[in-house]
């Protein structure tokens, strides 16, 4: 089995050019998918956040209900004391004792009113939480519908392109087997530097097919000889001649 060292410069150039054309086709597939994977993830995260909000509302409602129950008990205790003091008033022996009991009754009546206010305010909070829950549940339903549509759209694209992408990935591995690690590393570095992902480009009208700067005739002659890897002096992309570029076809 041939090793990378056994391949000529022309074969290595052909392999890295093949790799570029394969990667460009894979890029086209990913462009077709567009932002859908990110949009799906964002919608899933949003639903998770909304469900967390519902859980927090439930916890807050439990706390408020316990508070209402506690204030209800405190109100009953105050009312029981009022009744107790009312009975004691029937047996008072002097005005001083009567006034002391009357003062205690007034304090308990204030306690009743204060607990009633606390209960009323808490019930308002409960209604606010219920309204927020309804609004949140409606939002969850809305986001779930959007997520369902986005997932269906993404799954359709994946289904249509899955075989092609798998075949391209297999061809990519075959091409890489003919390219040494240093050239692959350079290819990956250059490719990641440009939005269009082009690391290997042909000469177009005597210019680099990537940055469009003019390539001197002598340099073009060296590129056509396929004796060494030549990169553009301006953008660093690997350069190939048109004949080699046209000879590499990706089905």
C-alpha atoms as a PDB file:
ATOM      1  CA  UNK A   1       0.000   0.000   0.000  1.00  0.00           C
ATOM      2  CA  UNK A   2       1.373   3.405  -1.023  1.00  0.00           C
ATOM      3  CA  UNK A   3       2.339   5.874   1.670  1.00  0.00           C
ATOM      4  CA  UNK A   4       2.099   9.642   1.465  1.00  0.00           C
ATOM      5  CA  UNK A   5       5.825   9.834   0.616  1.00  0.00           C
ATOM      6  CA  UNK A   6       5.254   7.666  -2.466  1.00  0.00           C
ATOM      7  CA  UNK A   7       2.938  10.239  -4.064  1.00  0.00           C
ATOM      8  CA  UNK A   8       4.312  12.899  -6.398  1.00  0.00           C
ATOM      9  CA  UNK A   9       3.776  16.619  -5.849  1.00  0.00           C
ATOM     10  CA  UNK A  10       1.226  16.568  -8.675  1.00  0.00           C
ATOM     11  CA  UNK A  11      -0.694  13.751  -6.959  1.00  0.00           C
ATOM     12  CA  UNK A  12      -0.582  15.607  -3.651  1.00  0.00           C
ATOM     13  CA  UNK A  13      -1.827  18.773  -5.343  1.00  0.00           C
ATOM     14  CA  UNK A  14      -4.572  16.796  -7.017  1.00  0.00           C
ATOM     15  CA  UNK A  15      -5.500  15.245  -3.649  1.00  0.00           C
ATOM     16  CA  UNK A  16      -5.591  18.569  -1.753  1.00  0.00           C
ATOM     17  CA  UNK A  17      -7.577  20.114  -4.628  1.00  0.00           C
ATOM     18  CA  UNK A  18      -9.994  17.178  -4.441  1.00  0.00           C
ATOM     19  CA  UNK A  19     -10.241  17.763  -0.715  1.00  0.00           C
ATOM     20  CA  UNK A  20     -11.032  21.439  -1.335  1.00  0.00           C
ATOM     21  CA  UNK A  21     -13.790  20.635  -3.802  1.00  0.00           C
ATOM     22  CA  UNK A  22     -15.266  18.046  -1.432  1.00  0.00           C
ATOM     23  CA  UNK A  23     -15.186  20.490   1.475  1.00  0.00           C
ATOM     24  CA  UNK A  24     -16.767  23.175  -0.704  1.00  0.00           C
ATOM     25  CA  UNK A  25     -19.641  20.824  -1.525  1.00  0.00           C
ATOM     26  CA  UNK A  26     -20.047  20.001   2.176  1.00  0.00           C
ATOM     27  CA  UNK A  27     -20.055  23.766   2.850  1.00  0.00           C
ATOM     28  CA  UNK A  28     -22.869  24.128   0.312  1.00  0.00           C
ATOM     29  CA  UNK A  29     -24.891  21.491   2.177  1.00  0.00           C
ATOM     30  CA  UNK A  30     -24.288  23.260   5.482  1.00  0.00           C
ATOM     31  CA  UNK A  31     -25.253  26.574   3.890  1.00  0.00           C
ATOM     32  CA  UNK A  32     -28.475  24.900   2.765  1.00  0.00           C
ATOM     33  CA  UNK A  33     -29.135  24.002   6.378  1.00  0.00           C
ATOM     34  CA  UNK A  34     -28.329  27.613   7.193  1.00  0.00           C
ATOM     35  CA  UNK A  35     -28.936  28.698  10.753  1.00  0.00           C
ATOM     36  CA  UNK A  36     -31.520  25.962  11.346  1.00  0.00           C
ATOM     37  CA  UNK A  37     -29.408  23.874  13.790  1.00  0.00           C
ATOM     38  CA  UNK A  38     -28.667  26.999  15.842  1.00  0.00           C
ATOM     39  CA  UNK A  39     -32.314  28.120  15.680  1.00  0.00           C
ATOM     40  CA  UNK A  40     -33.485  24.674  16.842  1.00  0.00           C
ATOM     41  CA  UNK A  41     -31.034  24.763  19.774  1.00  0.00           C
ATOM     42  CA  UNK A  42     -32.095  28.315  20.697  1.00  0.00           C
ATOM     43  CA  UNK A  43     -35.779  27.310  20.700  1.00  0.00           C
ATOM     44  CA  UNK A  44     -35.031  24.231  22.820  1.00  0.00           C
ATOM     45  CA  UNK A  45     -33.116  26.429  25.290  1.00  0.00           C
ATOM     46  CA  UNK A  46     -35.994  28.924  25.350  1.00  0.00           C
ATOM     47  CA  UNK A  47     -38.504  26.163  26.160  1.00  0.00           C
ATOM     48  CA  UNK A  48     -36.231  24.905  28.919  1.00  0.00           C
ATOM     49  CA  UNK A  49     -36.033  28.433  30.353  1.00  0.00           C
ATOM     50  CA  UNK A  50     -39.826  28.851  30.201  1.00  0.00           C
ATOM     51  CA  UNK A  51     -40.356  25.496  31.946  1.00  0.00           C
ATOM     52  CA  UNK A  52     -37.937  26.633  34.664  1.00  0.00           C
ATOM     53  CA  UNK A  53     -40.050  29.789  35.028  1.00  0.00           C
ATOM     54  CA  UNK A  54     -43.164  27.602  35.526  1.00  0.00           C
ATOM     55  CA  UNK A  55     -41.339  25.615  38.207  1.00  0.00           C
ATOM     56  CA  UNK A  56     -40.327  28.854  39.945  1.00  0.00           C
ATOM     57  CA  UNK A  57     -43.949  30.081  39.811  1.00  0.00           C
ATOM     58  CA  UNK A  58     -45.097  26.817  41.408  1.00  0.00           C
ATOM     59  CA  UNK A  59     -42.535  27.210  44.181  1.00  0.00           C
ATOM     60  CA  UNK A  60     -43.562  30.828  44.767  1.00  0.00           C
ATOM     61  CA  UNK A  61     -47.255  29.847  44.874  1.00  0.00           C
ATOM     62  CA  UNK A  62     -46.520  27.150  47.450  1.00  0.00           C
ATOM     63  CA  UNK A  63     -44.696  29.732  49.579  1.00  0.00           C
ATOM     64  CA  UNK A  64     -47.554  32.243  49.242  1.00  0.00           C
ATOM     65  CA  UNK A  65     -50.196  29.629  50.082  1.00  0.00           C
ATOM     66  CA  UNK A  66     -48.253  28.658  53.213  1.00  0.00           C
ATOM     67  CA  UNK A  67     -48.025  32.337  54.106  1.00  0.00           C
ATOM     68  CA  UNK A  68     -51.809  32.739  53.640  1.00  0.00           C
ATOM     69  CA  UNK A  69     -52.462  29.661  55.769  1.00  0.00           C
ATOM     70  CA  UNK A  70     -50.174  30.994  58.525  1.00  0.00           C
ATOM     71  CA  UNK A  71     -51.882  34.406  58.475  1.00  0.00           C
ATOM     72  CA  UNK A  72     -55.282  32.690  58.508  1.00  0.00           C
ATOM     73  CA  UNK A  73     -54.280  30.790  61.627  1.00  0.00           C
ATOM     74  CA  UNK A  74     -52.945  33.986  63.214  1.00  0.00           C
ATOM     75  CA  UNK A  75     -56.271  35.719  62.445  1.00  0.00           C
ATOM     76  CA  UNK A  76     -58.220  32.866  64.078  1.00  0.00           C
ATOM     77  CA  UNK A  77     -55.966  33.032  67.146  1.00  0.00           C
ATOM     78  CA  UNK A  78     -56.568  36.793  67.436  1.00  0.00           C
ATOM     79  CA  UNK A  79     -60.345  36.317  67.048  1.00  0.00           C
ATOM     80  CA  UNK A  80     -60.299  33.611  69.736  1.00  0.00           C
ATOM     81  CA  UNK A  81     -58.474  35.982  72.100  1.00  0.00           C
ATOM     82  CA  UNK A  82     -61.051  38.705  71.407  1.00  0.00           C
ATOM     83  CA  UNK A  83     -63.838  36.338  72.444  1.00  0.00           C
ATOM     84  CA  UNK A  84     -61.871  35.370  75.530  1.00  0.00           C
ATOM     85  CA  UNK A  85     -61.404  39.043  76.494  1.00  0.00           C
ATOM     86  CA  UNK A  86     -65.085  39.764  75.876  1.00  0.00           C
ATOM     87  CA  UNK A  87     -65.997  37.107  78.475  1.00  0.00           C
ATOM     88  CA  UNK A  88     -63.409  38.500  80.876  1.00  0.00           C
ATOM     89  CA  UNK A  89     -65.026  41.950  80.611  1.00  0.00           C
ATOM     90  CA  UNK A  90     -68.164  40.548  82.213  1.00  0.00           C
ATOM     91  CA  UNK A  91     -66.207  39.737  85.356  1.00  0.00           C
ATOM     92  CA  UNK A  92     -64.028  42.829  85.791  1.00  0.00           C
ATOM     93  CA  UNK A  93     -63.902  44.385  89.252  1.00  0.00           C
ATOM     94  CA  UNK A  94     -62.710  47.907  88.418  1.00  0.00           C
ATOM     95  CA  UNK A  95     -62.150  50.401  85.597  1.00  0.00           C
ATOM     96  CA  UNK A  96     -58.413  49.778  85.518  1.00  0.00           C
ATOM     97  CA  UNK A  97     -58.913  46.078  84.819  1.00  0.00           C
ATOM     98  CA  UNK A  98     -61.617  46.898  82.259  1.00  0.00           C
ATOM     99  CA  UNK A  99     -59.320  49.307  80.412  1.00  0.00           C
ATOM    100  CA  UNK A 100     -56.460  46.774  80.389  1.00  0.00           C
ATOM    101  CA  UNK A 101     -58.712  44.111  78.847  1.00  0.00           C
ATOM    102  CA  UNK A 102     -60.156  46.632  76.404  1.00  0.00           C
ATOM    103  CA  UNK A 103     -56.638  47.584  75.318  1.00  0.00           C
ATOM    104  CA  UNK A 104     -55.778  43.916  74.681  1.00  0.00           C
ATOM    105  CA  UNK A 105     -58.955  43.530  72.609  1.00  0.00           C
ATOM    106  CA  UNK A 106     -58.038  46.556  70.509  1.00  0.00           C
ATOM    107  CA  UNK A 107     -54.583  45.090  69.874  1.00  0.00           C
ATOM    108  CA  UNK A 108     -56.099  41.785  68.763  1.00  0.00           C
ATOM    109  CA  UNK A 109     -58.586  43.599  66.504  1.00  0.00           C
ATOM    110  CA  UNK A 110     -55.641  45.357  64.863  1.00  0.00           C
ATOM    111  CA  UNK A 111     -53.950  41.961  64.530  1.00  0.00           C
ATOM    112  CA  UNK A 112     -57.058  40.616  62.765  1.00  0.00           C
ATOM    113  CA  UNK A 113     -57.065  43.552  60.332  1.00  0.00           C
ATOM    114  CA  UNK A 114     -53.333  43.263  59.701  1.00  0.00           C
ATOM    115  CA  UNK A 115     -53.623  39.533  58.941  1.00  0.00           C
ATOM    116  CA  UNK A 116     -56.582  40.208  56.652  1.00  0.00           C
ATOM    117  CA  UNK A 117     -54.462  42.789  54.767  1.00  0.00           C
ATOM    118  CA  UNK A 118     -51.578  40.315  54.479  1.00  0.00           C
ATOM    119  CA  UNK A 119     -53.964  37.652  53.165  1.00  0.00           C
ATOM    120  CA  UNK A 120     -55.509  40.075  50.655  1.00  0.00           C
ATOM    121  CA  UNK A 121     -52.078  41.185  49.378  1.00  0.00           C
ATOM    122  CA  UNK A 122     -50.930  37.571  49.122  1.00  0.00           C
ATOM    123  CA  UNK A 123     -54.046  36.625  47.177  1.00  0.00           C
ATOM    124  CA  UNK A 124     -53.281  39.452  44.739  1.00  0.00           C
ATOM    125  CA  UNK A 125     -49.794  37.989  44.334  1.00  0.00           C
ATOM    126  CA  UNK A 126     -51.341  34.580  43.664  1.00  0.00           C
ATOM    127  CA  UNK A 127     -53.501  36.050  40.913  1.00  0.00           C
ATOM    128  CA  UNK A 128     -50.412  37.715  39.420  1.00  0.00           C
ATOM    129  CA  UNK A 129     -48.554  34.389  39.476  1.00  0.00           C
ATOM    130  CA  UNK A 130     -51.536  32.633  37.860  1.00  0.00           C
ATOM    131  CA  UNK A 131     -51.619  35.250  35.095  1.00  0.00           C
ATOM    132  CA  UNK A 132     -47.862  34.874  34.568  1.00  0.00           C
ATOM    133  CA  UNK A 133     -48.245  31.094  34.400  1.00  0.00           C
ATOM    134  CA  UNK A 134     -50.981  31.385  31.759  1.00  0.00           C
ATOM    135  CA  UNK A 135     -48.849  33.792  29.732  1.00  0.00           C
ATOM    136  CA  UNK A 136     -45.809  31.507  30.068  1.00  0.00           C
ATOM    137  CA  UNK A 137     -47.780  28.404  29.053  1.00  0.00           C
ATOM    138  CA  UNK A 138     -49.075  30.247  25.986  1.00  0.00           C
ATOM    139  CA  UNK A 139     -45.498  31.241  25.126  1.00  0.00           C
ATOM    140  CA  UNK A 140     -44.327  27.630  25.555  1.00  0.00           C
ATOM    141  CA  UNK A 141     -47.043  26.433  23.149  1.00  0.00           C
ATOM    142  CA  UNK A 142     -46.011  29.122  20.654  1.00  0.00           C
ATOM    143  CA  UNK A 143     -42.309  28.236  20.866  1.00  0.00           C
ATOM    144  CA  UNK A 144     -43.062  24.490  20.669  1.00  0.00           C
ATOM    145  CA  UNK A 145     -44.968  25.075  17.416  1.00  0.00           C
ATOM    146  CA  UNK A 146     -42.024  27.038  16.018  1.00  0.00           C
ATOM    147  CA  UNK A 147     -39.601  24.333  17.177  1.00  0.00           C
ATOM    148  CA  UNK A 148     -41.687  21.611  15.544  1.00  0.00           C
ATOM    149  CA  UNK A 149     -41.667  23.500  12.236  1.00  0.00           C
ATOM    150  CA  UNK A 150     -37.915  24.190  12.381  1.00  0.00           C
ATOM    151  CA  UNK A 151     -37.147  20.556  13.253  1.00  0.00           C
ATOM    152  CA  UNK A 152     -39.283  19.307  10.380  1.00  0.00           C
ATOM    153  CA  UNK A 153     -37.500  21.670   7.993  1.00  0.00           C
ATOM    154  CA  UNK A 154     -34.072  20.610   9.274  1.00  0.00           C
ATOM    155  CA  UNK A 155     -34.914  16.886   9.194  1.00  0.00           C
ATOM    156  CA  UNK A 156     -36.087  17.225   5.592  1.00  0.00           C
ATOM    157  CA  UNK A 157     -32.800  18.835   4.554  1.00  0.00           C
ATOM    158  CA  UNK A 158     -30.774  16.263   6.508  1.00  0.00           C
ATOM    159  CA  UNK A 159     -32.707  13.420   4.881  1.00  0.00           C
ATOM    160  CA  UNK A 160     -32.149  14.887   1.414  1.00  0.00           C
ATOM    161  CA  UNK A 161     -28.412  15.488   1.936  1.00  0.00           C
ATOM    162  CA  UNK A 162     -27.406  12.727   4.383  1.00  0.00           C
ATOM    163  CA  UNK A 163     -26.241  10.229   1.735  1.00  0.00           C
ATOM    164  CA  UNK A 164     -24.394  12.877  -0.252  1.00  0.00           C
ATOM    165  CA  UNK A 165     -22.644  14.199   2.854  1.00  0.00           C
ATOM    166  CA  UNK A 166     -21.694  10.665   3.905  1.00  0.00           C
ATOM    167  CA  UNK A 167     -20.266   9.904   0.437  1.00  0.00           C
ATOM    168  CA  UNK A 168     -18.352  13.175   0.419  1.00  0.00           C
ATOM    169  CA  UNK A 169     -16.889  12.457   3.854  1.00  0.00           C
ATOM    170  CA  UNK A 170     -15.650   9.056   2.627  1.00  0.00           C
ATOM    171  CA  UNK A 171     -14.040  10.691  -0.428  1.00  0.00           C
ATOM    172  CA  UNK A 172     -12.503  13.305   1.864  1.00  0.00           C
ATOM    173  CA  UNK A 173     -10.736  10.588   3.887  1.00  0.00           C
ATOM    174  CA  UNK A 174      -9.439   8.982   0.677  1.00  0.00           C
ATOM    175  CA  UNK A 175      -8.031  12.318  -0.483  1.00  0.00           C
ATOM    176  CA  UNK A 176      -6.396  13.014   2.892  1.00  0.00           C
ATOM    177  CA  UNK A 177      -4.534   9.703   2.664  1.00  0.00           C
ATOM    178  CA  UNK A 178      -2.512  11.163  -0.220  1.00  0.00           C
ATOM    179  CA  UNK A 179      -1.593  14.388   1.599  1.00  0.00           C
ATOM    180  CA  UNK A 180       1.098  14.690   4.262  1.00  0.00           C
ATOM    181  CA  UNK A 181       0.235  16.074   7.695  1.00  0.00           C
ATOM    182  CA  UNK A 182       2.013  19.385   7.168  1.00  0.00           C
ATOM    183  CA  UNK A 183       0.085  20.124   3.980  1.00  0.00           C
ATOM    184  CA  UNK A 184      -3.190  19.109   5.650  1.00  0.00           C
ATOM    185  CA  UNK A 185      -2.375  21.382   8.607  1.00  0.00           C
ATOM    186  CA  UNK A 186      -1.612  24.269   6.238  1.00  0.00           C
ATOM    187  CA  UNK A 187      -4.790  23.560   4.260  1.00  0.00           C
ATOM    188  CA  UNK A 188      -6.929  23.551   7.442  1.00  0.00           C
ATOM    189  CA  UNK A 189      -5.271  26.741   8.711  1.00  0.00           C
ATOM    190  CA  UNK A 190      -5.774  28.620   5.430  1.00  0.00           C
ATOM    191  CA  UNK A 191      -9.317  27.320   5.017  1.00  0.00           C
ATOM    192  CA  UNK A 192     -10.314  28.478   8.481  1.00  0.00           C
ATOM    193  CA  UNK A 193      -8.924  31.952   7.765  1.00  0.00           C
ATOM    194  CA  UNK A 194     -11.480  32.746   5.064  1.00  0.00           C
ATOM    195  CA  UNK A 195     -15.276  32.854   5.244  1.00  0.00           C
ATOM    196  CA  UNK A 196     -15.651  31.125   1.883  1.00  0.00           C
ATOM    197  CA  UNK A 197     -13.444  28.261   3.095  1.00  0.00           C
ATOM    198  CA  UNK A 198     -11.209  28.365  -0.006  1.00  0.00           C
ATOM    199  CA  UNK A 199      -7.645  27.212   0.695  1.00  0.00           C
ATOM    200  CA  UNK A 200      -6.874  25.860  -2.794  1.00  0.00           C
ATOM    201  CA  UNK A 201      -7.695  28.051  -5.783  1.00  0.00           C
ATOM    202  CA  UNK A 202      -6.965  28.063  -9.535  1.00  0.00           C
ATOM    203  CA  UNK A 203      -5.407  30.890 -11.488  1.00  0.00           C
ATOM    204  CA  UNK A 204      -8.170  32.988 -13.025  1.00  0.00           C
ATOM    205  CA  UNK A 205      -7.203  35.487 -15.751  1.00  0.00           C
ATOM    206  CA  UNK A 206      -3.578  35.516 -14.600  1.00  0.00           C
ATOM    207  CA  UNK A 207      -4.718  36.232 -11.032  1.00  0.00           C
ATOM    208  CA  UNK A 208      -5.164  34.309  -7.783  1.00  0.00           C
ATOM    209  CA  UNK A 209      -8.660  32.811  -7.675  1.00  0.00           C
ATOM    210  CA  UNK A 210      -8.906  33.770  -4.020  1.00  0.00           C
ATOM    211  CA  UNK A 211      -7.659  37.351  -3.598  1.00  0.00           C
ATOM    212  CA  UNK A 212      -7.504  38.232  -7.352  1.00  0.00           C
ATOM    213  CA  UNK A 213      -4.004  39.646  -7.165  1.00  0.00           C
ATOM    214  CA  UNK A 214      -1.952  39.190 -10.344  1.00  0.00           C
ATOM    215  CA  UNK A 215       0.364  36.148 -10.540  1.00  0.00           C
ATOM    216  CA  UNK A 216       3.606  36.851 -12.498  1.00  0.00           C
ATOM    217  CA  UNK A 217       4.100  34.739 -15.681  1.00  0.00           C
ATOM    218  CA  UNK A 218       7.197  33.000 -14.262  1.00  0.00           C
ATOM    219  CA  UNK A 219       5.233  32.027 -11.152  1.00  0.00           C
ATOM    220  CA  UNK A 220       2.404  30.701 -13.313  1.00  0.00           C
ATOM    221  CA  UNK A 221       4.889  28.583 -15.241  1.00  0.00           C
ATOM    222  CA  UNK A 222       6.185  27.057 -11.990  1.00  0.00           C
ATOM    223  CA  UNK A 223       2.629  26.294 -10.896  1.00  0.00           C
ATOM    224  CA  UNK A 224       1.922  24.452 -14.166  1.00  0.00           C
ATOM    225  CA  UNK A 225       5.009  22.253 -13.691  1.00  0.00           C
ATOM    226  CA  UNK A 226       3.587  20.671 -10.490  1.00  0.00           C
ATOM    227  CA  UNK A 227       7.082  20.284  -9.022  1.00  0.00           C
ATOM    228  CA  UNK A 228       6.355  22.033  -5.729  1.00  0.00           C
ATOM    229  CA  UNK A 229       3.512  23.445  -3.652  1.00  0.00           C
ATOM    230  CA  UNK A 230       3.188  27.149  -4.438  1.00  0.00           C
ATOM    231  CA  UNK A 231       1.073  29.589  -2.441  1.00  0.00           C
ATOM    232  CA  UNK A 232      -0.172  33.071  -3.285  1.00  0.00           C
ATOM    233  CA  UNK A 233       2.229  35.714  -1.991  1.00  0.00           C
ATOM    234  CA  UNK A 234      -0.723  37.924  -1.033  1.00  0.00           C
ATOM    235  CA  UNK A 235      -3.328  35.669   0.597  1.00  0.00           C
ATOM    236  CA  UNK A 236      -1.392  32.455   1.295  1.00  0.00           C
ATOM    237  CA  UNK A 237      -3.805  30.183  -0.603  1.00  0.00           C
ATOM    238  CA  UNK A 238      -2.447  27.129  -2.414  1.00  0.00           C
ATOM    239  CA  UNK A 239      -2.395  27.767  -6.161  1.00  0.00           C
ATOM    240  CA  UNK A 240      -3.150  25.279  -8.961  1.00  0.00           C
ATOM    241  CA  UNK A 241      -3.288  25.708 -12.726  1.00  0.00           C
ATOM    242  CA  UNK A 242      -6.545  25.541 -14.681  1.00  0.00           C
ATOM    243  CA  UNK A 243      -5.739  22.188 -16.324  1.00  0.00           C
ATOM    244  CA  UNK A 244      -5.331  20.481 -12.956  1.00  0.00           C
ATOM    245  CA  UNK A 245      -8.357  22.295 -11.583  1.00  0.00           C
ATOM    246  CA  UNK A 246     -10.519  21.160 -14.516  1.00  0.00           C
ATOM    247  CA  UNK A 247      -9.262  17.577 -14.279  1.00  0.00           C
ATOM    248  CA  UNK A 248     -10.560  17.146 -10.721  1.00  0.00           C
ATOM    249  CA  UNK A 249     -14.262  16.402 -10.727  1.00  0.00           C
ATOM    250  CA  UNK A 250     -16.445  15.600  -7.723  1.00  0.00           C
ATOM    251  CA  UNK A 251     -19.591  13.670  -8.586  1.00  0.00           C
END
